[in-house]
Protein backbone atom coordinates (compact mmCIF):
# COMPACT_ATOMS: atom_id res chain seq x y z
CA MET A 1 -0.06 -0.16 0.16
CA GLY A 2 1.37 3.54 -0.89
CA ILE A 3 0.82 7.14 -1.97
CA GLU A 4 1.46 8.13 -5.71
CA ILE A 5 2.79 11.51 -5.72
CA THR A 6 3.00 13.20 -9.04
CA SER A 7 5.10 16.13 -10.13
CA SER A 8 6.39 17.90 -13.02
CA GLY A 9 5.50 14.46 -14.92
CA VAL A 10 7.28 12.20 -12.41
CA SER A 11 5.28 9.58 -10.59
CA LYS A 12 6.60 7.45 -7.93
CA THR A 13 5.18 5.25 -5.27
CA TYR A 14 5.95 5.73 -1.53
CA ARG A 15 5.26 3.30 1.52
CA TYR A 16 3.90 4.91 4.42
CA TYR A 17 4.00 4.70 8.07
CA PRO A 18 1.76 5.23 11.16
CA TYR A 19 2.37 8.20 13.30
CA ASP A 20 0.66 9.16 16.62
CA ALA A 21 1.51 11.37 19.87
CA PHE A 22 4.46 9.19 20.82
CA TYR A 23 8.38 9.22 20.90
CA VAL A 24 10.98 6.63 20.55
CA ASP A 25 13.86 6.44 23.40
CA ALA A 26 17.15 6.18 22.81
CA ASN A 27 16.94 2.35 23.20
CA GLY A 28 14.06 2.22 20.42
CA ASN A 29 11.25 1.94 22.68
CA VAL A 30 7.78 3.81 21.78
CA ASN A 31 6.74 5.95 24.91
CA THR A 32 3.40 7.81 24.83
CA SER A 33 3.56 10.15 27.58
CA GLY A 34 6.56 12.34 26.82
CA ASN A 35 7.86 14.22 23.79
CA GLY A 36 10.70 13.84 21.61
CA GLN A 37 13.14 16.73 22.39
CA GLN A 38 15.79 14.32 23.82
CA VAL A 39 15.46 11.95 20.70
CA LYS A 40 17.95 12.73 17.57
CA GLU A 41 17.02 9.58 15.59
CA ALA A 42 15.84 6.04 16.43
CA TRP A 43 14.23 3.04 14.44
CA PHE A 44 11.33 1.26 15.44
CA ASN A 45 9.98 -1.54 13.04
CA GLY A 46 12.61 -0.77 10.47
CA VAL A 47 11.47 2.45 10.47
CA LYS A 48 13.47 5.91 11.14
CA TYR A 49 11.86 8.34 13.68
CA TYR A 50 12.75 12.03 14.48
CA PRO A 51 11.75 14.70 16.85
CA ASP A 52 9.96 17.61 15.19
CA GLU A 53 10.94 20.97 16.83
CA THR A 54 7.51 22.47 15.99
CA ASP A 55 5.32 20.27 18.43
CA ASN A 56 7.91 17.87 19.82
CA VAL A 57 6.34 14.75 18.73
CA CYS A 58 8.32 12.40 16.73
CA LYS A 59 7.10 11.32 13.05
CA ALA A 60 7.73 8.59 10.62
CA LEU A 61 9.51 9.53 7.52
CA ILE A 62 8.17 8.18 4.28
CA TYR A 63 10.66 5.71 2.37
CA GLU A 64 10.73 5.04 -1.30
CA GLU A 65 9.03 1.74 -1.62
CA ALA A 66 11.41 0.54 -4.24
CA SER A 67 14.89 1.44 -2.29
CA GLY A 68 14.08 2.18 1.05
CA VAL A 69 15.65 5.57 0.68
CA PRO A 70 14.21 8.08 2.94
CA LEU A 71 12.72 11.14 1.24
CA THR A 72 13.87 15.11 1.32
CA ASP A 73 12.09 18.16 0.50
CA ASP A 74 13.91 18.12 -3.03
CA SER A 75 12.45 14.72 -3.83
CA VAL A 76 10.39 15.01 -6.96
CA GLY A 77 8.59 17.87 -4.93
CA CYS A 78 7.10 15.25 -2.64
CA TYR A 79 5.67 16.15 0.76
CA PRO A 80 8.15 14.10 3.18
CA GLU A 81 5.63 14.56 6.28
CA VAL A 82 2.48 13.17 4.79
CA LEU A 83 1.57 11.34 8.11
CA ILE A 84 -0.89 8.28 8.12
CA CYS A 85 -2.60 7.83 11.62
CA THR A 86 -5.61 7.64 13.78
CA LYS A 87 -5.02 4.59 15.84
CA LYS A 88 -2.61 4.52 19.07
CA TYR A 89 0.62 2.88 18.12
CA SER A 90 -0.14 -0.01 20.83
CA GLN A 91 -2.85 -1.11 18.11
CA LEU A 92 -0.41 -1.43 15.49
CA ASN A 93 1.86 -4.10 14.29
CA SER A 94 4.55 -4.81 11.93
CA GLN A 95 1.96 -4.64 9.12
CA ALA A 96 0.95 -1.24 10.38
CA PRO A 97 1.14 0.22 6.79
CA SER A 98 -1.52 -2.21 5.39
CA LEU A 99 -3.87 -1.36 8.18
CA ILE A 100 -3.92 2.43 8.02
CA PRO A 101 -5.40 3.92 4.84
CA TYR A 102 -5.53 7.43 6.35
CA ALA A 103 -4.00 10.44 5.30
CA LYS A 104 -2.92 13.40 7.02
CA SER A 105 -0.15 16.01 6.28
CA HIS A 106 1.52 18.37 8.83
CA SER A 107 3.85 21.30 8.02
CA LYS A 108 2.39 24.04 5.73
CA ASN A 109 5.99 25.13 5.21
CA THR A 110 6.94 21.39 3.50
CA ARG A 111 6.89 21.57 -0.26
CA ILE A 112 3.86 19.53 -2.03
CA PRO A 113 3.33 18.72 -5.74
CA SER A 114 1.05 20.57 -7.81
CA ARG A 115 -0.59 17.59 -8.57
CA LEU A 116 -1.58 15.06 -5.75
CA ILE A 117 -2.72 11.24 -6.34
CA LEU A 118 -3.65 9.17 -3.25
CA PRO A 119 -5.04 5.92 -4.88
CA SER A 120 -5.27 3.77 -1.36
CA CYS A 121 -6.52 6.72 0.93
CA THR A 122 -10.07 6.33 2.35
CA LYS A 123 -9.98 9.48 4.77
CA ILE A 124 -8.27 12.51 4.80
CA TYR A 125 -8.84 14.83 7.96
CA ASP A 126 -7.85 17.57 10.42
CA SER A 127 -6.50 20.66 8.09
CA ALA A 128 -4.59 18.02 6.14
CA PHE A 129 -3.33 20.22 3.16
CA ASP A 130 -4.79 23.32 4.36
CA SER A 131 -3.71 26.72 2.75
CA ASN A 132 -1.54 25.01 0.19
CA ALA A 133 -1.14 27.66 -2.62
CA SER A 134 0.80 25.23 -5.05
CA LEU A 135 -2.13 22.64 -4.95
CA ILE A 136 -3.89 22.60 -8.13
CA SER A 137 -5.18 18.96 -8.79
CA ILE A 138 -6.18 15.98 -6.33
CA ASP A 139 -7.27 12.57 -7.17
CA LEU A 140 -8.73 10.38 -4.56
CA PRO A 141 -10.19 7.06 -5.99
CA SER A 142 -10.60 5.36 -2.86
CA CYS A 143 -11.37 8.20 -0.25
CA LYS A 144 -14.58 8.10 1.37
CA GLN A 145 -14.51 11.03 4.02
CA LEU A 146 -13.05 14.25 3.94
CA ILE A 147 -13.26 15.69 7.61
CA ASN A 148 -12.35 19.25 9.24
CA GLY A 149 -11.17 21.26 6.54
CA PRO A 150 -8.30 18.96 4.71
CA PHE A 151 -8.34 21.32 1.72
CA PHE A 152 -9.12 24.73 3.43
CA SER A 153 -8.17 27.95 1.66
CA CYS A 154 -6.16 25.87 -1.24
CA SER A 155 -6.56 28.88 -3.19
CA SER A 156 -5.15 27.38 -6.70
CA LEU A 157 -7.19 23.89 -6.59
CA THR A 158 -9.01 23.68 -9.59
CA ASP A 159 -9.46 19.68 -10.19
CA VAL A 160 -11.09 17.49 -7.74
CA SER A 161 -11.69 13.96 -8.08
CA ILE A 162 -13.79 12.52 -5.27
CA PRO A 163 -15.68 9.46 -6.98
CA VAL A 164 -16.37 7.54 -3.96
CA CYS A 165 -16.71 9.97 -1.24
CA GLU A 166 -19.86 9.98 1.01
CA LEU A 167 -19.14 12.58 3.12
CA VAL A 168 -17.55 16.06 2.49
CA GLY A 169 -17.13 17.26 5.80
CA SER A 170 -16.71 20.92 7.20
CA ASP A 171 -14.77 23.08 6.01
CA SER A 172 -13.49 20.79 3.34
CA PHE A 173 -12.93 23.11 0.49
CA PHE A 174 -13.63 26.58 2.21
CA TYR A 175 -12.19 29.52 -0.04
CA CYS A 176 -10.95 27.15 -2.62
CA SER A 177 -11.58 30.31 -4.65
CA ALA A 178 -10.63 28.80 -8.07
CA LEU A 179 -12.63 25.58 -8.10
CA PRO A 180 -15.05 25.61 -10.98
CA SER A 181 -17.06 22.59 -10.59
CA ILE A 182 -17.24 19.67 -8.39
CA ASN A 183 -18.63 16.36 -8.81
CA MET A 184 -19.67 13.90 -5.69
CA PRO A 185 -21.72 11.01 -7.37
CA ASN A 186 -21.67 9.08 -4.00
CA CYS A 187 -21.75 11.94 -1.33
CA THR A 188 -24.93 11.72 0.91
CA GLU A 189 -23.77 14.57 3.29
CA ILE A 190 -21.94 18.16 2.61
CA GLY A 191 -21.00 19.57 6.15
CA LEU A 192 -20.70 23.07 7.30
CA SER A 193 -19.07 25.61 5.23
CA ALA A 194 -17.74 22.76 3.05
CA PHE A 195 -17.66 25.13 -0.01
CA GLU A 196 -18.00 28.41 1.29
CA GLY A 197 -16.37 31.26 -0.75
CA CYS A 198 -15.93 28.87 -3.40
CA SER A 199 -16.35 32.33 -6.04
CA SER A 200 -15.27 30.58 -9.12
CA LEU A 201 -17.74 27.43 -8.67
CA VAL A 202 -20.28 27.18 -11.45
CA SER A 203 -21.47 23.35 -11.30
CA VAL A 204 -22.53 21.02 -8.37
CA ASN A 205 -23.46 17.55 -9.10
CA ALA A 206 -24.37 15.63 -5.85
CA PRO A 207 -27.24 13.34 -7.07
CA LEU A 208 -27.48 11.40 -4.13
CA CYS A 209 -26.64 14.06 -1.23
CA GLU A 210 -29.37 13.97 1.40
CA VAL A 211 -28.02 16.66 3.98
CA ILE A 212 -26.75 20.19 2.82
CA SER A 213 -25.11 21.80 6.14
CA ASN A 214 -25.11 25.29 7.49
CA TYR A 215 -23.11 27.71 5.25
CA ALA A 216 -22.39 24.98 2.94
CA PHE A 217 -22.41 26.85 -0.32
CA SER A 218 -22.22 30.35 1.20
CA ARG A 219 -20.77 32.99 -0.88
CA CYS A 220 -20.37 30.91 -4.20
CA THR A 221 -20.96 34.06 -6.11
CA SER A 222 -20.63 32.33 -9.78
CA LEU A 223 -23.15 29.43 -8.98
CA LYS A 224 -26.30 30.09 -10.71
CA ASN A 225 -28.22 26.65 -10.63
CA ILE A 226 -28.36 23.99 -8.26
CA SER A 227 -30.36 20.54 -8.55
CA LEU A 228 -30.43 18.35 -5.42
CA PRO A 229 -32.50 15.24 -6.29
CA SER A 230 -32.23 13.38 -3.13
CA CYS A 231 -31.61 16.57 -0.73
CA GLN A 232 -33.83 16.49 2.27
CA THR A 233 -32.68 18.85 4.68
CA MET A 234 -30.81 22.38 4.11
CA GLY A 235 -29.19 24.40 6.96
CA ALA A 236 -28.93 27.76 7.64
CA SER A 237 -27.36 30.07 5.22
CA ALA A 238 -26.77 27.05 2.97
CA PHE A 239 -26.81 28.87 -0.22
CA SER A 240 -26.79 32.56 1.17
CA ILE A 241 -25.04 35.40 -0.46
CA SER A 242 -24.59 33.21 -3.69
CA GLY A 243 -25.28 33.50 -7.28
CA ILE A 244 -28.16 31.07 -7.36
CA GLU A 245 -31.02 31.90 -9.62
CA ALA A 246 -32.72 28.62 -9.73
CA VAL A 247 -33.15 25.93 -7.32
CA GLN A 248 -34.71 22.43 -7.65
CA ALA A 249 -34.69 19.86 -4.69
CA GLN A 250 -37.95 18.14 -5.14
CA VAL A 251 -37.82 15.93 -1.72
CA CYS A 252 -36.63 18.63 0.56
CA THR A 253 -39.00 19.42 3.46
CA SER A 254 -36.46 22.04 5.32
CA ILE A 255 -34.53 24.97 4.87
CA GLY A 256 -32.93 26.73 7.52
CA GLY A 257 -32.83 30.60 8.47
CA SER A 258 -31.32 32.42 5.82
CA GLY A 259 -31.06 29.63 3.39
CA PHE A 260 -30.91 31.43 0.30
CA SER A 261 -30.93 34.89 1.63
CA ASN A 262 -29.36 37.62 -0.57
CA THR A 263 -29.12 35.46 -3.58
CA GLY A 264 -30.34 36.28 -7.38
CA LEU A 265 -33.36 33.73 -7.31
CA LEU A 266 -35.78 34.64 -10.05
CA GLU A 267 -38.82 32.38 -9.21
CA ILE A 268 -39.82 29.42 -7.10
CA SER A 269 -42.18 27.08 -9.12
CA ALA A 270 -44.05 24.48 -7.85
CA SER A 271 -41.86 21.82 -9.11
CA ASP A 272 -38.63 23.38 -7.68
CA LEU A 273 -39.51 22.79 -3.73
CA PRO A 274 -42.85 20.87 -4.08
CA SER A 275 -42.22 19.11 -0.45
CA LEU A 276 -41.05 22.15 1.55
CA GLU A 277 -42.76 22.12 4.52
CA GLY A 278 -42.11 25.62 6.08
CA VAL A 279 -40.32 28.71 5.34
CA SER A 280 -37.90 29.78 8.28
CA ASN A 281 -36.82 33.32 9.61
CA ASP A 282 -35.21 34.94 6.79
CA THR A 283 -35.09 31.82 4.37
CA PHE A 284 -35.57 33.92 1.28
CA SER A 285 -34.83 37.45 2.36
CA SER A 286 -33.40 39.92 0.31
CA CYS A 287 -33.92 38.06 -3.15
CA TYR A 288 -34.01 41.22 -5.10
CA ASN A 289 -34.91 39.70 -8.35
CA LEU A 290 -37.34 37.15 -6.99
CA GLU A 291 -40.94 37.71 -8.53
CA THR A 292 -43.17 34.68 -7.94
CA VAL A 293 -43.29 32.16 -5.66
CA GLU A 294 -45.46 28.56 -5.34
CA LEU A 295 -44.83 26.21 -2.36
CA PRO A 296 -47.80 23.80 -2.68
CA ASN A 297 -47.14 21.94 0.74
CA CYS A 298 -45.93 25.08 2.79
CA LEU A 299 -47.83 25.31 5.93
CA THR A 300 -45.80 28.46 7.66
CA VAL A 301 -44.01 31.22 7.00
CA GLY A 302 -41.74 32.77 9.82
CA GLY A 303 -40.47 35.94 10.41
CA TYR A 304 -38.68 37.82 7.69
CA GLY A 305 -39.14 34.74 5.55
CA PHE A 306 -39.29 36.74 2.31
CA ASP A 307 -38.25 40.28 3.80
CA SER A 308 -37.29 43.17 1.30
CA ASP A 309 -38.02 40.79 -1.70
CA LYS A 310 -38.57 44.14 -3.81
CA SER A 311 -39.35 42.53 -6.88
CA LEU A 312 -41.82 40.29 -5.48
CA ARG A 313 -45.45 40.17 -6.83
CA GLU A 314 -47.19 36.87 -6.33
CA VAL A 315 -47.04 34.04 -3.55
CA ARG A 316 -48.89 30.86 -3.83
CA ILE A 317 -49.00 28.85 -0.48
CA PRO A 318 -52.37 27.00 -0.67
CA LYS A 319 -51.86 24.95 2.44
CA CYS A 320 -50.26 27.48 4.57
CA THR A 321 -52.06 28.15 7.97
CA LYS A 322 -49.81 30.40 9.72
CA ILE A 323 -48.03 33.67 8.45
CA TYR A 324 -46.03 35.38 11.03
CA ASN A 325 -45.34 39.05 11.60
CA TYR A 326 -42.77 40.62 9.21
CA ALA A 327 -42.91 37.70 6.83
CA PHE A 328 -43.52 40.08 3.92
CA ASN A 329 -41.70 43.16 5.49
CA ASN A 330 -40.95 45.68 2.66
CA CYS A 331 -42.16 43.44 0.20
CA ARG A 332 -43.67 46.88 -1.84
CA LYS A 333 -44.52 45.21 -5.05
CA LEU A 334 -46.40 42.39 -3.83
CA GLU A 335 -50.08 42.36 -5.09
CA THR A 336 -51.54 38.84 -4.13
CA VAL A 337 -51.09 35.99 -1.78
CA TYR A 338 -52.80 32.62 -1.70
CA VAL A 339 -53.23 30.69 1.33
CA ALA A 340 -55.53 27.97 2.92
CA SER A 341 -58.74 29.11 4.47
CA GLY A 342 -58.49 30.33 7.72
CA CYS A 343 -54.98 31.11 7.65
CA ASP A 344 -53.76 33.07 10.68
CA ILE A 345 -51.76 36.12 9.62
CA GLY A 346 -49.80 38.10 11.89
CA ARG A 347 -50.86 41.69 12.41
CA TYR A 348 -47.49 43.08 10.80
CA ALA A 349 -47.10 40.19 8.24
CA PHE A 350 -47.00 42.84 5.56
CA ASN A 351 -45.17 45.53 7.06
CA ASN A 352 -44.42 48.71 4.92
CA VAL A 353 -46.18 46.97 2.08
CA SER A 354 -48.49 49.62 0.73
CA PRO A 355 -51.12 49.07 -0.40
CA LYS A 356 -51.84 45.93 1.40
CA PRO A 357 -51.77 42.88 -1.06
CA SER A 358 -54.87 40.96 -1.54
CA VAL A 359 -55.28 37.94 0.37
CA ILE A 360 -57.23 35.00 -1.66
CA TYR A 361 -58.11 32.22 0.50
CA VAL A 362 -58.39 28.97 -1.18
């Protein structure tokens, strides 16, 4: 099992070794309670360890599989401190390299190639490659989980291959401002701020995704259309301050507060969000281009749900039984609202709307 790293057209495979919060003493014994300041170098199970002056933890060097020669910063632009870990060293044995298919990198000052290929890696986590401006392309054919900002603010990243990834966790591609598209055919969950600030993102494919967390695509200013056929829940500000003009999420029942606030939505048709059960506070606020809304199964509209939608003319919510105060605050062009018979409409639901819209009970 290895890590294939390609740079400048050169490709090699490297064997990797595990690391955790331990050091190796002068006799080659593993100690999990101290630090590695006293150790210049030590060997354990045929692996050379050395102390890290930054965090006083010993790490395993990566060895070239063919020759066993330790790599340096200059070896084909390689990342010599790609660290593979998650289990305590006591749980490992001499076959450890085949037991730990996880990747974690360490020093931001260590040079990494522009193109990174990790064919056996199944999980990348904890800011593994964050803020690496040189990283342009990543290929993760076996990776199923990205957790806690592994590619946070990789500002040059333009090509991502994650064909089997099921979880794109929090901050995974936060402010990867050059990323133009993302294909996630097996992803079922997108975490907090996973793509926030990806200002070049124009295409998202996530046909199996069921959960979109808070701020997942916030500030994606180039993203115009989104189709999420399996999505059931969208979190607060999931697409806020983005370029979204059209959304299709046929089975989505819940969208958090400010979910689409400050976006370019043009209309919401009956087929766009047919399962949405309610409009939360500020969900569609400040959508200045939104003219018509039809939500066939919406039961409630929260405060400021459509606040300051200055182009809004008509709203059809035929099953709605409750409209809260300020739901349509400052919607000055609103003419007609269709609601369920007996709908409870707050006294200030149409605050700053003059003349008041016609309310038609259906």
